[in-house]
Amino acid sequence: MSLRCGIVGMPNVGKSTLFNALTETRNAEAANYPFCTIDPNVGMVIVPDERVDMLVEIFNPKKVIPATVEFVDIAGLVKGASKGEGLGNQFLSHIREVDAIVHLVRCFENDNIIHVEENIDPVRDIEIIEYELILKDLETIEKRLERTTKNLKTGDKKVKQEADVLTSLKEHLLTSRLGRYFTENLTPEDRQIVNELHLLTDKPVLYVANVDDKSIGGNAYSEKVNEVANKEGAGFLILSVEVESEIAQLESKEEKSEFISAMGLDDSGLNRLIKSSYRLLDLITFFTAGEKEVHAWPVHHGCKAPQAAGEIHTDFEKGFIRAEIMKYSDFADLRSEHAVKEKGLLKIEGKDYVVEDGDIVHFRFNV
């Protein structure tokens, strides 16, 4: 399962530096001028998970495959992006290709790093980005409505339904409200109509306040971002890209842990960001584990056992018979499959079983 989180924001808010820290590379050029990033940088990032460490400790496997999330560093957007300003159309198309948005907002002052709007105003910056996304979505809807309207004379009920949904959606966006507030209460049939549009404003969002190293607990600017997130029912976290970049350059886990503790933090901002992004994508993790391999498998919430098996191999889904399930908490306490079985805690589940986060699964299948 390959799902993408796009890092978006105004120019010079720290997107490329954040991407470099996330991927522990220098793939994204970071510089003090707008549009430093033109082509999106893409990197796979390991999802931190203490449960993998525990399973590795117990099984000592030959191979370990953690869950991953793909991050995309998308160039900064400016006013007029929806009309092509600052190569806007190209950048907006990159956002269309991701599954969720990490919206990085500048919440620090630094005279050596220019701001395209000349001063720091997180709420204004958020509104600029969202306004451009709304304008682009309106353009998409207009094109679709034009085609749908021409077909209304056929009397097809589905065409009428589509026209009604698109018209209501257009009216909603014209009030400067994001698309996801319209789609959250739609029927499955109406939702399918909107899904085909791949709207920019219908993606889940995590707001990230980028503060300086003296404000890792937050500041007046980050409070403004938090207020926006609360109003929109979106995710929010604070981190210092500058600090996270320094941590990422340390060579060992021990050095990183010492640095994090010295800053008075329980975990790095990057780990919190990765975990939050994983949840933003509506993902949970199940495991397959043994002496050969410990493997963390990402699947969507609500995934049933046969579909989870299909993540391993299509044959597993086609020939699914049953799933043998151990709960991670039980296995961590008892530390062996034999002990879990003796306690009667190994469960046999059929095709209707909904996989839960932390399940350790062995699939039985026949092809």
Protein backbone atom coordinates (compact mmCIF):
# COMPACT_ATOMS: atom_id res chain seq x y z
CA MET A 1 0.00 0.00 0.00
CA SER A 2 1.59 3.24 -1.16
CA LEU A 3 -0.02 6.39 0.24
CA ARG A 4 1.38 9.89 0.06
CA CYS A 5 1.42 12.91 2.36
CA GLY A 6 2.19 16.17 0.59
CA ILE A 7 4.07 18.90 2.51
CA VAL A 8 2.58 22.22 1.42
CA GLY A 9 2.80 25.84 2.49
CA MET A 10 4.02 29.29 1.49
CA PRO A 11 7.58 29.69 0.17
CA ASN A 12 10.34 29.80 2.80
CA VAL A 13 8.39 28.17 5.61
CA GLY A 14 10.83 25.22 5.95
CA LYS A 15 9.23 22.54 3.75
CA SER A 16 12.40 21.31 2.07
CA THR A 17 14.38 21.40 5.31
CA LEU A 18 11.62 19.38 6.97
CA PHE A 19 11.63 16.90 4.09
CA ASN A 20 15.41 16.51 4.37
CA ALA A 21 15.10 15.85 8.10
CA LEU A 22 12.28 13.34 7.58
CA THR A 23 14.21 11.37 4.99
CA GLU A 24 17.60 12.04 6.62
CA THR A 25 18.91 13.06 3.21
CA ARG A 26 19.89 16.20 1.37
CA ASN A 27 17.64 15.43 -1.59
CA ALA A 28 15.66 18.66 -1.31
CA GLU A 29 17.65 21.83 -1.89
CA ALA A 30 16.98 24.36 0.86
CA ALA A 31 17.63 28.01 0.05
CA ASN A 32 16.43 31.48 0.97
CA TYR A 33 14.41 32.32 -2.11
CA PRO A 34 10.93 31.45 -3.40
CA PHE A 35 10.39 28.45 -5.72
CA CYS A 36 13.62 26.78 -4.70
CA THR A 37 11.65 23.54 -5.12
CA ILE A 38 10.01 23.07 -8.52
CA ASP A 39 9.87 19.32 -9.09
CA PRO A 40 8.44 17.55 -6.04
CA ASN A 41 10.88 15.53 -3.96
CA VAL A 42 9.58 12.13 -2.87
CA GLY A 43 10.86 10.00 -0.01
CA MET A 44 9.82 6.91 1.91
CA VAL A 45 9.86 7.35 5.69
CA ILE A 46 9.79 4.57 8.29
CA VAL A 47 6.89 4.78 10.75
CA PRO A 48 8.31 4.62 14.30
CA ASP A 49 6.70 1.69 16.11
CA GLU A 50 7.93 0.26 19.41
CA ARG A 51 5.95 -2.91 18.71
CA VAL A 52 8.28 -3.78 15.84
CA ASP A 53 11.23 -3.49 18.22
CA MET A 54 9.55 -5.87 20.66
CA LEU A 55 8.78 -8.44 17.96
CA VAL A 56 12.36 -8.25 16.70
CA GLU A 57 13.61 -8.79 20.25
CA ILE A 58 11.44 -11.91 20.63
CA PHE A 59 11.93 -13.51 17.20
CA ASN A 60 15.41 -12.27 16.24
CA PRO A 61 14.33 -12.49 12.58
CA LYS A 62 16.60 -12.54 9.53
CA LYS A 63 14.63 -9.70 7.98
CA VAL A 64 12.65 -6.72 9.33
CA ILE A 65 10.26 -4.66 7.19
CA PRO A 66 8.65 -1.70 9.00
CA ALA A 67 5.62 0.25 7.83
CA THR A 68 6.42 3.30 5.73
CA VAL A 69 4.77 6.54 4.61
CA GLU A 70 5.66 8.41 1.44
CA PHE A 71 6.23 12.15 1.82
CA VAL A 72 6.24 14.62 -1.06
CA ASP A 73 7.93 18.01 -0.76
CA ILE A 74 5.75 20.34 -2.85
CA ALA A 75 6.93 23.80 -3.84
CA GLY A 76 5.58 26.88 -2.08
CA LEU A 77 2.27 28.34 -3.20
CA VAL A 78 1.59 32.07 -3.53
CA LYS A 79 -1.38 34.30 -4.32
CA GLY A 80 -2.58 33.63 -7.84
CA ALA A 81 -1.29 30.03 -7.92
CA SER A 82 -4.64 28.82 -9.28
CA LYS A 83 -4.12 31.21 -12.22
CA GLY A 84 -0.56 30.08 -12.83
CA GLU A 85 1.36 32.53 -10.64
CA GLY A 86 4.67 31.09 -9.45
CA LEU A 87 4.22 27.97 -11.60
CA GLY A 88 1.06 27.47 -9.57
CA ASN A 89 -0.79 25.11 -11.91
CA GLN A 90 2.14 22.71 -11.85
CA PHE A 91 2.38 22.82 -8.07
CA LEU A 92 -1.36 22.37 -7.60
CA SER A 93 -1.28 19.26 -9.80
CA HIS A 94 1.30 17.79 -7.41
CA ILE A 95 -1.12 18.32 -4.51
CA ARG A 96 -3.85 16.52 -6.46
CA GLU A 97 -1.66 13.40 -6.51
CA VAL A 98 -1.29 13.06 -2.72
CA ASP A 99 -3.72 11.45 -0.26
CA ALA A 100 -3.32 13.88 2.63
CA ILE A 101 -1.80 17.29 3.27
CA VAL A 102 0.75 18.34 5.88
CA HIS A 103 0.34 22.13 5.91
CA LEU A 104 3.53 23.67 7.27
CA VAL A 105 3.01 27.19 8.62
CA ARG A 106 5.77 29.63 9.47
CA CYS A 107 5.57 30.63 13.13
CA PHE A 108 9.01 32.16 13.65
CA GLU A 109 10.67 35.47 12.95
CA ASN A 110 14.03 35.66 11.19
CA ASP A 111 15.15 38.73 9.25
CA ASN A 112 17.58 36.55 7.28
CA ILE A 113 14.76 34.44 5.80
CA ILE A 114 12.47 36.47 3.57
CA HIS A 115 8.69 36.08 3.59
CA VAL A 116 6.90 36.64 0.30
CA GLU A 117 4.21 38.62 2.14
CA GLU A 118 6.89 40.60 4.05
CA ASN A 119 5.65 39.81 7.55
CA ILE A 120 4.65 36.84 9.71
CA ASP A 121 0.91 36.14 9.83
CA PRO A 122 0.04 32.41 10.10
CA VAL A 123 -3.72 32.86 9.63
CA ARG A 124 -3.25 34.94 6.48
CA ASP A 125 -0.77 32.40 5.09
CA ILE A 126 -3.22 29.53 5.71
CA GLU A 127 -6.03 31.48 4.05
CA ILE A 128 -3.88 32.22 0.98
CA ILE A 129 -3.11 28.52 0.47
CA GLU A 130 -6.70 27.39 1.05
CA TYR A 131 -8.14 30.13 -1.16
CA GLU A 132 -5.95 28.98 -4.06
CA LEU A 133 -7.01 25.36 -3.53
CA ILE A 134 -10.67 26.41 -3.49
CA LEU A 135 -10.27 28.40 -6.73
CA LYS A 136 -8.68 25.42 -8.45
CA ASP A 137 -11.46 23.12 -7.26
CA LEU A 138 -14.08 25.58 -8.54
CA GLU A 139 -12.40 25.45 -11.93
CA THR A 140 -12.56 21.63 -11.86
CA ILE A 141 -16.26 21.68 -10.91
CA GLU A 142 -17.14 24.24 -13.59
CA LYS A 143 -15.66 22.02 -16.29
CA ARG A 144 -17.52 18.96 -15.01
CA LEU A 145 -20.79 20.89 -14.63
CA GLU A 146 -20.57 22.15 -18.19
CA ARG A 147 -20.45 18.58 -19.47
CA THR A 148 -23.13 17.34 -17.07
CA THR A 149 -25.53 20.17 -17.90
CA LYS A 150 -25.39 19.30 -21.59
CA ASN A 151 -26.59 15.78 -20.75
CA LEU A 152 -29.54 16.87 -18.57
CA LYS A 153 -31.94 16.81 -21.50
CA THR A 154 -31.57 13.01 -21.68
CA GLY A 155 -33.70 12.79 -18.53
CA ASP A 156 -31.25 10.37 -16.91
CA LYS A 157 -31.79 10.44 -13.13
CA LYS A 158 -28.08 9.85 -12.47
CA VAL A 159 -27.16 12.87 -14.57
CA LYS A 160 -29.67 14.97 -12.62
CA GLN A 161 -28.23 13.70 -9.34
CA GLU A 162 -24.71 14.60 -10.47
CA ALA A 163 -25.78 18.09 -11.55
CA ASP A 164 -27.47 18.69 -8.19
CA VAL A 165 -24.45 17.52 -6.20
CA LEU A 166 -22.00 19.57 -8.26
CA THR A 167 -24.15 22.68 -8.03
CA SER A 168 -24.43 22.37 -4.25
CA LEU A 169 -20.70 21.74 -3.98
CA LYS A 170 -19.97 24.82 -6.08
CA GLU A 171 -22.19 26.97 -3.87
CA HIS A 172 -20.43 25.56 -0.80
CA LEU A 173 -16.95 26.43 -2.11
CA LEU A 174 -18.08 29.93 -3.07
CA THR A 175 -18.57 30.59 0.65
CA SER A 176 -14.78 29.95 1.06
CA ARG A 177 -15.38 26.66 2.88
CA LEU A 178 -13.18 23.66 2.11
CA GLY A 179 -14.65 20.76 0.19
CA ARG A 180 -14.24 18.24 2.98
CA TYR A 181 -16.89 20.01 5.07
CA PHE A 182 -19.34 19.37 2.24
CA THR A 183 -18.42 15.76 1.60
CA GLU A 184 -18.40 14.50 5.19
CA ASN A 185 -22.20 14.12 5.30
CA LEU A 186 -22.87 12.87 1.75
CA THR A 187 -24.54 9.57 0.90
CA PRO A 188 -22.21 6.92 -0.60
CA GLU A 189 -23.71 7.58 -4.06
CA ASP A 190 -23.16 11.34 -3.86
CA ARG A 191 -19.75 10.80 -2.35
CA GLN A 192 -18.71 8.72 -5.37
CA ILE A 193 -19.61 11.62 -7.67
CA VAL A 194 -17.32 13.95 -5.72
CA ASN A 195 -14.53 11.36 -5.45
CA GLU A 196 -14.21 11.32 -9.23
CA LEU A 197 -13.21 15.01 -9.14
CA HIS A 198 -10.12 14.42 -6.93
CA LEU A 199 -10.66 17.75 -5.19
CA LEU A 200 -7.72 19.51 -3.57
CA THR A 201 -9.88 20.72 -0.66
CA ASP A 202 -11.30 17.27 0.11
CA LYS A 203 -8.05 15.88 1.53
CA PRO A 204 -7.41 15.45 5.26
CA VAL A 205 -5.08 18.12 6.67
CA LEU A 206 -2.54 18.26 9.48
CA TYR A 207 -1.43 21.77 10.41
CA VAL A 208 2.20 21.95 11.56
CA ALA A 209 3.44 25.12 13.26
CA ASN A 210 7.15 25.60 12.53
CA VAL A 211 8.61 27.51 15.48
CA ASP A 212 12.17 28.54 16.39
CA ASP A 213 14.35 26.62 18.83
CA LYS A 214 13.28 28.87 21.73
CA SER A 215 9.56 28.15 21.18
CA ILE A 216 9.36 24.37 20.93
CA GLY A 217 6.47 24.46 23.40
CA GLY A 218 4.62 26.96 21.22
CA ASN A 219 4.27 30.72 20.86
CA ALA A 220 1.65 33.34 19.97
CA TYR A 221 1.91 32.45 16.28
CA SER A 222 1.41 28.71 16.84
CA GLU A 223 -1.62 29.47 19.01
CA LYS A 224 -3.22 31.11 15.96
CA VAL A 225 -2.59 27.97 13.91
CA ASN A 226 -4.06 25.82 16.68
CA GLU A 227 -7.20 27.98 16.66
CA VAL A 228 -7.58 27.40 12.90
CA ALA A 229 -7.08 23.64 13.34
CA ASN A 230 -9.65 23.48 16.15
CA LYS A 231 -12.17 25.44 14.09
CA GLU A 232 -11.70 23.08 11.15
CA GLY A 233 -11.54 19.88 13.21
CA ALA A 234 -8.08 19.21 11.76
CA GLY A 235 -4.90 17.83 13.29
CA PHE A 236 -2.26 20.11 14.77
CA LEU A 237 1.26 19.85 16.14
CA ILE A 238 4.21 22.11 16.92
CA LEU A 239 7.80 21.42 15.94
CA SER A 240 10.98 23.31 15.17
CA VAL A 241 12.25 22.32 11.74
CA GLU A 242 15.60 23.82 12.69
CA VAL A 243 15.90 21.60 15.77
CA GLU A 244 14.61 18.51 13.95
CA SER A 245 17.18 19.05 11.21
CA GLU A 246 19.94 19.06 13.84
CA ILE A 247 18.61 15.86 15.42
CA ALA A 248 18.37 14.11 12.04
CA GLN A 249 22.06 14.76 11.39
CA LEU A 250 23.12 12.91 14.56
CA GLU A 251 24.48 9.45 13.73
CA SER A 252 23.22 7.18 16.51
CA LYS A 253 19.90 6.58 18.25
CA GLU A 254 21.64 7.22 21.57
CA GLU A 255 22.83 10.67 20.47
CA LYS A 256 19.36 11.53 19.19
CA SER A 257 17.72 10.36 22.44
CA GLU A 258 20.15 12.43 24.53
CA PHE A 259 19.52 15.51 22.39
CA ILE A 260 15.74 15.08 22.64
CA SER A 261 15.91 14.63 26.43
CA ALA A 262 18.14 17.70 26.76
CA MET A 263 15.48 19.73 24.94
CA GLY A 264 12.92 18.55 27.51
CA LEU A 265 10.97 16.47 24.97
CA ASP A 266 9.56 12.95 25.23
CA ASP A 267 9.86 12.26 21.51
CA SER A 268 11.19 14.02 18.44
CA GLY A 269 8.88 16.28 16.48
CA LEU A 270 9.58 14.17 13.40
CA ASN A 271 8.35 10.98 15.08
CA ARG A 272 5.20 12.78 16.19
CA LEU A 273 4.74 14.11 12.67
CA ILE A 274 5.19 10.71 11.03
CA LYS A 275 2.78 9.03 13.45
CA SER A 276 0.24 11.83 12.99
CA SER A 277 0.56 11.56 9.21
CA TYR A 278 -0.03 7.80 9.43
CA ARG A 279 -3.25 8.41 11.33
CA LEU A 280 -4.15 11.20 8.91
CA LEU A 281 -4.06 8.61 6.12
CA ASP A 282 -6.50 6.50 8.21
CA LEU A 283 -3.98 3.67 8.53
CA ILE A 284 -3.48 0.99 11.16
CA THR A 285 -0.81 -1.73 11.32
CA PHE A 286 -1.05 -5.50 11.50
CA PHE A 287 1.98 -7.76 11.77
CA THR A 288 3.26 -11.03 10.43
CA ALA A 289 6.08 -12.32 12.58
CA GLY A 290 8.45 -15.25 12.76
CA GLU A 291 12.12 -16.22 12.68
CA LYS A 292 12.37 -15.48 8.98
CA GLU A 293 10.74 -12.06 9.00
CA VAL A 294 8.95 -9.45 11.09
CA HIS A 295 6.77 -7.36 8.79
CA ALA A 296 4.53 -4.38 9.65
CA TRP A 297 1.66 -4.04 7.16
CA PRO A 298 -0.30 -0.77 6.79
CA VAL A 299 -4.02 -1.12 5.99
CA HIS A 300 -6.98 1.23 6.21
CA HIS A 301 -9.25 1.26 9.25
CA GLY A 302 -12.12 -1.13 8.62
CA CYS A 303 -10.09 -3.47 6.42
CA LYS A 304 -11.41 -7.05 6.55
CA ALA A 305 -9.18 -10.09 6.88
CA PRO A 306 -9.25 -11.22 3.21
CA GLN A 307 -8.28 -7.74 1.99
CA ALA A 308 -5.49 -7.57 4.58
CA ALA A 309 -4.26 -10.93 3.34
CA GLY A 310 -4.29 -9.48 -0.18
CA GLU A 311 -1.74 -6.87 0.92
CA ILE A 312 0.71 -9.74 1.35
CA HIS A 313 -0.19 -11.52 -1.90
CA THR A 314 -3.24 -11.55 -4.15
CA ASP A 315 -3.37 -15.36 -3.84
CA PHE A 316 -3.88 -15.00 -0.08
CA GLU A 317 -7.04 -13.00 -0.68
CA LYS A 318 -8.36 -15.21 -3.50
CA GLY A 319 -7.90 -18.42 -1.52
CA PHE A 320 -8.59 -17.03 1.96
CA ILE A 321 -9.75 -19.66 4.45
CA ARG A 322 -9.25 -18.08 7.88
CA ALA A 323 -7.03 -15.80 9.92
CA GLU A 324 -5.32 -16.84 13.14
CA ILE A 325 -5.10 -13.74 15.32
CA MET A 326 -2.96 -12.89 18.33
CA LYS A 327 -3.36 -9.51 19.98
CA TYR A 328 -0.06 -7.68 20.33
CA SER A 329 -0.66 -6.94 24.03
CA ASP A 330 -1.21 -10.67 24.75
CA PHE A 331 1.87 -11.68 22.80
CA ALA A 332 4.04 -8.99 24.42
CA ASP A 333 3.00 -10.27 27.88
CA LEU A 334 3.38 -13.99 27.14
CA ARG A 335 6.21 -13.71 24.56
CA SER A 336 5.42 -16.86 22.56
CA GLU A 337 2.71 -18.21 20.30
CA HIS A 338 2.62 -21.42 22.34
CA ALA A 339 1.86 -19.50 25.54
CA VAL A 340 -0.84 -17.47 23.80
CA LYS A 341 -2.48 -20.70 22.57
CA GLU A 342 -2.30 -22.28 26.03
CA LYS A 343 -4.15 -19.31 27.49
CA GLY A 344 -6.83 -19.67 24.80
CA LEU A 345 -6.03 -16.22 23.41
CA LEU A 346 -5.32 -17.20 19.82
CA LYS A 347 -8.52 -16.49 17.90
CA ILE A 348 -9.70 -18.02 14.61
CA GLU A 349 -11.50 -15.47 12.45
CA GLY A 350 -13.32 -15.66 9.10
CA LYS A 351 -13.78 -13.41 6.10
CA ASP A 352 -15.92 -10.85 7.96
CA TYR A 353 -13.33 -10.14 10.63
CA VAL A 354 -12.20 -6.49 10.71
CA VAL A 355 -8.47 -6.31 11.33
CA GLU A 356 -7.46 -4.28 14.39
CA ASP A 357 -4.33 -2.24 15.00
CA GLY A 358 -1.60 -4.44 16.47
CA ASP A 359 -3.03 -7.77 15.34
CA ILE A 360 -0.38 -10.44 14.73
CA VAL A 361 -1.85 -12.54 11.96
CA HIS A 362 -1.23 -15.86 10.27
CA PHE A 363 -3.39 -16.38 7.21
CA ARG A 364 -4.57 -19.77 6.02
CA PHE A 365 -5.39 -19.96 2.33
CA ASN A 366 -5.81 -22.39 -0.52
CA VAL A 367 -5.19 -21.76 -4.24
